[in-house]
C-alpha atoms as a PDB file:
ATOM      1  CA  UNK A   1     229.504  28.493  13.151  1.00  0.00           C
ATOM      2  CA  UNK A   2     227.265  30.207  10.620  1.00  0.00           C
ATOM      3  CA  UNK A   3     226.620  29.746   6.903  1.00  0.00           C
ATOM      4  CA  UNK A   4     226.928  33.035   5.056  1.00  0.00           C
ATOM      5  CA  UNK A   5     225.455  32.041   1.708  1.00  0.00           C
ATOM      6  CA  UNK A   6     228.634  31.244  -0.160  1.00  0.00           C
ATOM      7  CA  UNK A   7     230.775  30.695   2.918  1.00  0.00           C
ATOM      8  CA  UNK A   8     231.043  29.792   6.576  1.00  0.00           C
ATOM      9  CA  UNK A   9     231.946  31.935   9.573  1.00  0.00           C
ATOM     10  CA  UNK A  10     233.353  30.189  12.618  1.00  0.00           C
ATOM     11  CA  UNK A  11     234.391  31.568  15.990  1.00  0.00           C
ATOM     12  CA  UNK A  12     237.213  30.160  18.114  1.00  0.00           C
ATOM     13  CA  UNK A  13     238.200  30.728  21.737  1.00  0.00           C
ATOM     14  CA  UNK A  14     241.851  31.247  20.794  1.00  0.00           C
ATOM     15  CA  UNK A  15     243.562  32.429  17.607  1.00  0.00           C
ATOM     16  CA  UNK A  16     245.858  29.390  17.598  1.00  0.00           C
ATOM     17  CA  UNK A  17     242.760  27.173  17.379  1.00  0.00           C
ATOM     18  CA  UNK A  18     241.547  29.155  14.376  1.00  0.00           C
ATOM     19  CA  UNK A  19     244.904  28.815  12.567  1.00  0.00           C
ATOM     20  CA  UNK A  20     245.159  25.090  13.368  1.00  0.00           C
ATOM     21  CA  UNK A  21     241.578  24.492  12.188  1.00  0.00           C
ATOM     22  CA  UNK A  22     242.154  26.450   8.982  1.00  0.00           C
ATOM     23  CA  UNK A  23     245.316  24.461   8.237  1.00  0.00           C
ATOM     24  CA  UNK A  24     243.495  21.178   8.930  1.00  0.00           C
ATOM     25  CA  UNK A  25     240.667  22.207   6.573  1.00  0.00           C
ATOM     26  CA  UNK A  26     243.099  23.107   3.787  1.00  0.00           C
ATOM     27  CA  UNK A  27     244.999  19.814   4.255  1.00  0.00           C
ATOM     28  CA  UNK A  28     241.724  17.867   4.086  1.00  0.00           C
ATOM     29  CA  UNK A  29     240.687  19.708   0.921  1.00  0.00           C
ATOM     30  CA  UNK A  30     244.119  19.055  -0.622  1.00  0.00           C
ATOM     31  CA  UNK A  31     243.817  15.345   0.193  1.00  0.00           C
ATOM     32  CA  UNK A  32     240.286  15.258  -1.255  1.00  0.00           C
ATOM     33  CA  UNK A  33     241.466  16.972  -4.450  1.00  0.00           C
ATOM     34  CA  UNK A  34     244.328  14.508  -4.863  1.00  0.00           C
ATOM     35  CA  UNK A  35     242.024  11.525  -4.323  1.00  0.00           C
ATOM     36  CA  UNK A  36     239.168  12.877  -6.464  1.00  0.00           C
ATOM     37  CA  UNK A  37     240.527  15.332  -9.046  1.00  0.00           C
ATOM     38  CA  UNK A  38     237.244  15.222 -10.956  1.00  0.00           C
ATOM     39  CA  UNK A  39     235.542  16.741  -7.884  1.00  0.00           C
ATOM     40  CA  UNK A  40     238.304  19.144  -6.891  1.00  0.00           C
ATOM     41  CA  UNK A  41     237.475  22.445  -5.210  1.00  0.00           C
ATOM     42  CA  UNK A  42     239.410  25.208  -3.498  1.00  0.00           C
ATOM     43  CA  UNK A  43     238.806  27.338  -0.395  1.00  0.00           C
ATOM     44  CA  UNK A  44     239.924  30.778   0.738  1.00  0.00           C
ATOM     45  CA  UNK A  45     240.231  31.381   4.478  1.00  0.00           C
ATOM     46  CA  UNK A  46     240.656  34.680   6.323  1.00  0.00           C
ATOM     47  CA  UNK A  47     241.223  34.999  10.072  1.00  0.00           C
ATOM     48  CA  UNK A  48     240.903  38.061  12.289  1.00  0.00           C
ATOM     49  CA  UNK A  49     240.763  38.573  16.042  1.00  0.00           C
ATOM     50  CA  UNK A  50     238.605  41.141  17.740  1.00  0.00           C
ATOM     51  CA  UNK A  51     235.498  41.822  19.768  1.00  0.00           C
ATOM     52  CA  UNK A  52     232.413  41.223  17.641  1.00  0.00           C
ATOM     53  CA  UNK A  53     228.960  42.440  18.505  1.00  0.00           C
ATOM     54  CA  UNK A  54     226.910  39.447  19.644  1.00  0.00           C
ATOM     55  CA  UNK A  55     223.149  39.495  19.023  1.00  0.00           C
ATOM     56  CA  UNK A  56     220.566  36.795  18.321  1.00  0.00           C
ATOM     57  CA  UNK A  57     223.173  34.006  18.083  1.00  0.00           C
ATOM     58  CA  UNK A  58     225.074  35.975  15.435  1.00  0.00           C
ATOM     59  CA  UNK A  59     228.215  38.120  15.265  1.00  0.00           C
ATOM     60  CA  UNK A  60     228.520  41.548  13.671  1.00  0.00           C
ATOM     61  CA  UNK A  61     230.842  44.523  13.637  1.00  0.00           C
ATOM     62  CA  UNK A  62     234.241  45.624  12.398  1.00  0.00           C
ATOM     63  CA  UNK A  63     236.046  42.454  13.577  1.00  0.00           C
ATOM     64  CA  UNK A  64     233.710  40.286  11.519  1.00  0.00           C
ATOM     65  CA  UNK A  65     233.807  42.605   8.496  1.00  0.00           C
ATOM     66  CA  UNK A  66     237.602  42.667   8.561  1.00  0.00           C
ATOM     67  CA  UNK A  67     237.726  38.861   8.668  1.00  0.00           C
ATOM     68  CA  UNK A  68     235.483  38.770   5.580  1.00  0.00           C
ATOM     69  CA  UNK A  69     237.710  41.286   3.747  1.00  0.00           C
ATOM     70  CA  UNK A  70     240.812  39.272   4.649  1.00  0.00           C
ATOM     71  CA  UNK A  71     239.123  36.148   3.312  1.00  0.00           C
ATOM     72  CA  UNK A  72     238.374  37.950   0.043  1.00  0.00           C
ATOM     73  CA  UNK A  73     242.087  38.770  -0.310  1.00  0.00           C
ATOM     74  CA  UNK A  74     243.168  35.129   0.048  1.00  0.00           C
ATOM     75  CA  UNK A  75     243.904  33.155  -3.067  1.00  0.00           C
ATOM     76  CA  UNK A  76     242.478  29.707  -3.769  1.00  0.00           C
ATOM     77  CA  UNK A  77     243.868  27.266  -1.165  1.00  0.00           C
ATOM     78  CA  UNK A  78     245.090  30.227   0.880  1.00  0.00           C
ATOM     79  CA  UNK A  79     244.897  31.216   4.526  1.00  0.00           C
ATOM     80  CA  UNK A  80     245.454  34.877   5.350  1.00  0.00           C
ATOM     81  CA  UNK A  81     245.527  36.287   8.859  1.00  0.00           C
ATOM     82  CA  UNK A  82     245.432  39.806  10.251  1.00  0.00           C
ATOM     83  CA  UNK A  83     248.520  41.194  11.944  1.00  0.00           C
ATOM     84  CA  UNK A  84     246.770  40.946  15.324  1.00  0.00           C
ATOM     85  CA  UNK A  85     246.371  37.188  14.805  1.00  0.00           C
ATOM     86  CA  UNK A  86     250.053  36.837  13.912  1.00  0.00           C
ATOM     87  CA  UNK A  87     250.976  38.735  17.076  1.00  0.00           C
ATOM     88  CA  UNK A  88     248.714  36.572  19.240  1.00  0.00           C
ATOM     89  CA  UNK A  89     250.144  33.293  17.878  1.00  0.00           C
ATOM     90  CA  UNK A  90     253.772  34.426  17.524  1.00  0.00           C
ATOM     91  CA  UNK A  91     255.057  31.966  20.124  1.00  0.00           C
ATOM     92  CA  UNK A  92     253.260  29.012  18.502  1.00  0.00           C
ATOM     93  CA  UNK A  93     255.675  28.758  15.561  1.00  0.00           C
ATOM     94  CA  UNK A  94     253.140  28.919  12.734  1.00  0.00           C
ATOM     95  CA  UNK A  95     255.027  29.530   9.483  1.00  0.00           C
ATOM     96  CA  UNK A  96     253.817  32.767   7.878  1.00  0.00           C
ATOM     97  CA  UNK A  97     254.885  35.165   5.172  1.00  0.00           C
ATOM     98  CA  UNK A  98     254.290  38.916   5.511  1.00  0.00           C
ATOM     99  CA  UNK A  99     252.432  40.497   2.622  1.00  0.00           C
ATOM    100  CA  UNK A 100     252.530  44.167   1.627  1.00  0.00           C
ATOM    101  CA  UNK A 101     250.116  46.451   3.482  1.00  0.00           C
ATOM    102  CA  UNK A 102     246.881  47.104   1.614  1.00  0.00           C
ATOM    103  CA  UNK A 103     243.653  49.033   1.959  1.00  0.00           C
ATOM    104  CA  UNK A 104     240.702  46.695   2.388  1.00  0.00           C
ATOM    105  CA  UNK A 105     237.227  47.674   1.273  1.00  0.00           C
ATOM    106  CA  UNK A 106     235.360  49.489   4.023  1.00  0.00           C
ATOM    107  CA  UNK A 107     238.521  50.300   6.012  1.00  0.00           C
ATOM    108  CA  UNK A 108     240.554  53.503   5.707  1.00  0.00           C
ATOM    109  CA  UNK A 109     243.833  52.316   7.203  1.00  0.00           C
ATOM    110  CA  UNK A 110     246.198  49.888   5.432  1.00  0.00           C
ATOM    111  CA  UNK A 111     246.308  46.367   6.872  1.00  0.00           C
ATOM    112  CA  UNK A 112     249.322  44.085   6.940  1.00  0.00           C
ATOM    113  CA  UNK A 113     248.284  40.511   6.251  1.00  0.00           C
ATOM    114  CA  UNK A 114     250.198  37.276   6.633  1.00  0.00           C
ATOM    115  CA  UNK A 115     249.930  34.163   4.517  1.00  0.00           C
ATOM    116  CA  UNK A 116     249.971  30.973   6.585  1.00  0.00           C
ATOM    117  CA  UNK A 117     252.147  28.238   5.090  1.00  0.00           C
ATOM    118  CA  UNK A 118     249.473  25.732   6.079  1.00  0.00           C
ATOM    119  CA  UNK A 119     251.122  22.618   4.648  1.00  0.00           C
ATOM    120  CA  UNK A 120     253.864  23.152   7.249  1.00  0.00           C
ATOM    121  CA  UNK A 121     251.535  23.695  10.230  1.00  0.00           C
ATOM    122  CA  UNK A 122     251.751  20.745  12.591  1.00  0.00           C
ATOM    123  CA  UNK A 123     248.381  19.208  13.518  1.00  0.00           C
ATOM    124  CA  UNK A 124     247.233  20.164  17.007  1.00  0.00           C
ATOM    125  CA  UNK A 125     248.708  17.943  19.686  1.00  0.00           C
ATOM    126  CA  UNK A 126     251.654  16.757  17.608  1.00  0.00           C
ATOM    127  CA  UNK A 127     255.270  17.786  17.964  1.00  0.00           C
ATOM    128  CA  UNK A 128     257.433  18.432  14.913  1.00  0.00           C
ATOM    129  CA  UNK A 129     259.773  15.570  14.091  1.00  0.00           C
ATOM    130  CA  UNK A 130     263.070  15.700  15.974  1.00  0.00           C
ATOM    131  CA  UNK A 131     261.686  18.394  18.246  1.00  0.00           C
ATOM    132  CA  UNK A 132     260.258  17.816  21.703  1.00  0.00           C
ATOM    133  CA  UNK A 133     256.918  19.377  22.515  1.00  0.00           C
ATOM    134  CA  UNK A 134     257.183  22.070  25.141  1.00  0.00           C
ATOM    135  CA  UNK A 135     255.244  21.263  28.313  1.00  0.00           C
ATOM    136  CA  UNK A 136     251.961  23.082  28.583  1.00  0.00           C
ATOM    137  CA  UNK A 137     251.513  25.577  31.358  1.00  0.00           C
ATOM    138  CA  UNK A 138     249.000  24.769  34.045  1.00  0.00           C
ATOM    139  CA  UNK A 139     247.752  28.332  33.684  1.00  0.00           C
ATOM    140  CA  UNK A 140     246.371  29.339  30.333  1.00  0.00           C
ATOM    141  CA  UNK A 141     245.101  32.903  30.074  1.00  0.00           C
ATOM    142  CA  UNK A 142     241.565  33.199  28.792  1.00  0.00           C
ATOM    143  CA  UNK A 143     241.274  34.612  25.312  1.00  0.00           C
ATOM    144  CA  UNK A 144     239.905  38.122  25.425  1.00  0.00           C
ATOM    145  CA  UNK A 145     239.073  38.253  21.757  1.00  0.00           C
ATOM    146  CA  UNK A 146     236.842  36.148  19.599  1.00  0.00           C
ATOM    147  CA  UNK A 147     238.367  34.881  16.401  1.00  0.00           C
ATOM    148  CA  UNK A 148     236.312  34.868  13.258  1.00  0.00           C
ATOM    149  CA  UNK A 149     237.376  32.856  10.284  1.00  0.00           C
ATOM    150  CA  UNK A 150     235.207  33.252   7.217  1.00  0.00           C
ATOM    151  CA  UNK A 151     235.642  30.551   4.596  1.00  0.00           C
ATOM    152  CA  UNK A 152     234.563  31.272   1.055  1.00  0.00           C
ATOM    153  CA  UNK A 153     232.580  28.791  -0.983  1.00  0.00           C
ATOM    154  CA  UNK A 154     234.493  26.254  -3.031  1.00  0.00           C
ATOM    155  CA  UNK A 155     236.124  27.589  -6.169  1.00  0.00           C
ATOM    156  CA  UNK A 156     235.676  24.862  -8.814  1.00  0.00           C
ATOM    157  CA  UNK A 157     238.558  26.139 -10.926  1.00  0.00           C
ATOM    158  CA  UNK A 158     241.880  24.363 -10.423  1.00  0.00           C
END
């Protein structure tokens, strides 16, 4: 995890961990805002998967830059993920809405982003009501990509 001035960048071993963590953060912020409306704040979260350049305990490169651009596209209280993240977590059942393709600053090709319906994401380790949790495989493939999830600084506007 790294502070980026007005945000935080975190790396996860698996994209599903990044999505679950982002949803948990947004739920915690929502609960805080309901309990303390006079101290309400809002976060934007963007998640990408890729192979960052690692140097001096830091991450750089296109994967990290794309995660930052995705974060900038998210609205207050939003979680946006790159298409590659959606593909990697497709079997996990995270509710997402496809957004129109767009050109992100610093990238020439259009990117399809997905909005995570985070209020509907089940906390890690819990099964949805009336639905049995599928048994976990004894073999879990190692993640080949590092996930970066920049989080922008709190937006004090409601």
